[in-house]
Amino acid sequence: RLYGEHLVFAAHNHAFLFLAGSLITLLSRGWLVGGLAMWMFVYLVWSTRVVYGGRWLGMALRAVVLGIAYLILFAFVTIGLVIAAVLLR
């Protein structure tokens, strides 16, 4: 696959996660939040399978590994931005 296709797919998934995360933040309680959080995971696995193919179990495992890596990198960036904001005050 070309690099551009991966970039478009990543941008699409980020836009979806931003929209769903914004809705979760606005709702902040109830069964709808849990359903939306579950749909985020299901959608990412499903979209990955549609774009790249493969077996469902493999896609689910890849989604879990990539999700954990993404959360770790997101935490590092957030911590770095907080430190920079404190130092540049």
Protein backbone atom coordinates (compact mmCIF):
# COMPACT_ATOMS: atom_id res chain seq x y z
CA ARG A 1 0.00 0.00 0.00
CA LEU A 2 1.08 3.53 -0.60
CA TYR A 3 1.98 5.82 2.29
CA GLY A 4 -0.81 8.22 1.34
CA GLU A 5 -3.46 5.51 1.75
CA HIS A 6 -2.24 4.80 5.28
CA LEU A 7 -2.28 8.51 6.05
CA VAL A 8 -5.87 8.93 4.80
CA PHE A 9 -6.99 5.90 6.81
CA ALA A 10 -5.29 7.23 9.96
CA ALA A 11 -6.84 10.68 9.47
CA HIS A 12 -10.28 9.09 9.02
CA ASN A 13 -9.92 7.08 12.22
CA HIS A 14 -8.64 10.10 14.15
CA ALA A 15 -11.63 12.15 12.99
CA PHE A 16 -13.97 9.36 14.08
CA LEU A 17 -12.28 9.06 17.48
CA PHE A 18 -12.45 12.83 17.97
CA LEU A 19 -16.15 12.93 17.15
CA ALA A 20 -16.98 9.96 19.37
CA GLY A 21 -14.77 11.27 22.19
CA SER A 22 -16.46 14.66 21.97
CA LEU A 23 -19.87 13.02 22.24
CA ILE A 24 -18.72 11.00 25.25
CA THR A 25 -17.46 14.18 26.90
CA LEU A 26 -20.76 15.97 26.25
CA LEU A 27 -22.92 13.10 27.50
CA SER A 28 -20.64 12.16 30.44
CA ARG A 29 -23.02 9.55 31.90
CA GLY A 30 -25.50 6.84 31.14
CA TRP A 31 -25.59 3.68 29.07
CA LEU A 32 -25.05 5.67 25.87
CA VAL A 33 -21.49 6.50 26.90
CA GLY A 34 -20.65 2.80 27.38
CA GLY A 35 -22.24 1.93 24.05
CA LEU A 36 -20.35 4.68 22.30
CA ALA A 37 -17.05 3.59 23.84
CA MET A 38 -17.69 0.02 22.71
CA TRP A 39 -18.65 1.24 19.22
CA MET A 40 -15.33 3.10 19.00
CA PHE A 41 -13.42 -0.16 19.46
CA VAL A 42 -15.72 -2.17 17.15
CA TYR A 43 -15.55 0.48 14.43
CA LEU A 44 -11.76 0.65 14.50
CA VAL A 45 -11.42 -3.13 14.23
CA TRP A 46 -14.05 -3.29 11.50
CA SER A 47 -12.53 -0.45 9.46
CA THR A 48 -9.06 -1.98 9.75
CA ARG A 49 -10.38 -5.29 8.46
CA VAL A 50 -12.17 -3.63 5.54
CA VAL A 51 -9.08 -1.66 4.50
CA TYR A 52 -6.33 -4.23 5.12
CA GLY A 53 -8.19 -7.56 5.12
CA GLY A 54 -7.28 -10.52 7.28
CA ARG A 55 -8.96 -12.57 9.98
CA TRP A 56 -11.15 -11.09 12.70
CA LEU A 57 -9.00 -12.37 15.57
CA GLY A 58 -5.86 -10.95 13.99
CA MET A 59 -7.54 -7.61 13.45
CA ALA A 60 -8.77 -7.50 17.05
CA LEU A 61 -5.29 -8.30 18.38
CA ARG A 62 -3.70 -5.66 16.16
CA ALA A 63 -6.28 -3.12 17.26
CA VAL A 64 -5.55 -3.83 20.94
CA VAL A 65 -1.78 -3.55 20.45
CA LEU A 66 -2.07 -0.37 18.38
CA GLY A 67 -4.55 1.10 20.85
CA ILE A 68 -2.21 0.52 23.77
CA ALA A 69 0.74 1.98 21.83
CA TYR A 70 -1.37 4.98 20.84
CA LEU A 71 -2.43 5.61 24.44
CA ILE A 72 1.16 5.42 25.67
CA LEU A 73 2.37 7.86 22.99
CA PHE A 74 -0.59 10.15 23.69
CA ALA A 75 0.27 10.15 27.40
CA PHE A 76 3.92 11.07 26.67
CA VAL A 77 2.88 13.93 24.39
CA THR A 78 0.33 15.21 26.91
CA ILE A 79 2.87 15.09 29.74
CA GLY A 80 5.41 16.88 27.56
CA LEU A 81 2.93 19.61 26.69
CA VAL A 82 2.01 20.09 30.35
CA ILE A 83 5.69 20.36 31.31
CA ALA A 84 6.31 22.83 28.48
CA ALA A 85 3.30 24.91 29.53
CA VAL A 86 4.52 25.04 33.13
CA LEU A 87 8.08 25.95 32.14
CA LEU A 88 7.00 28.62 29.64
CA ARG A 89 4.58 30.35 32.01
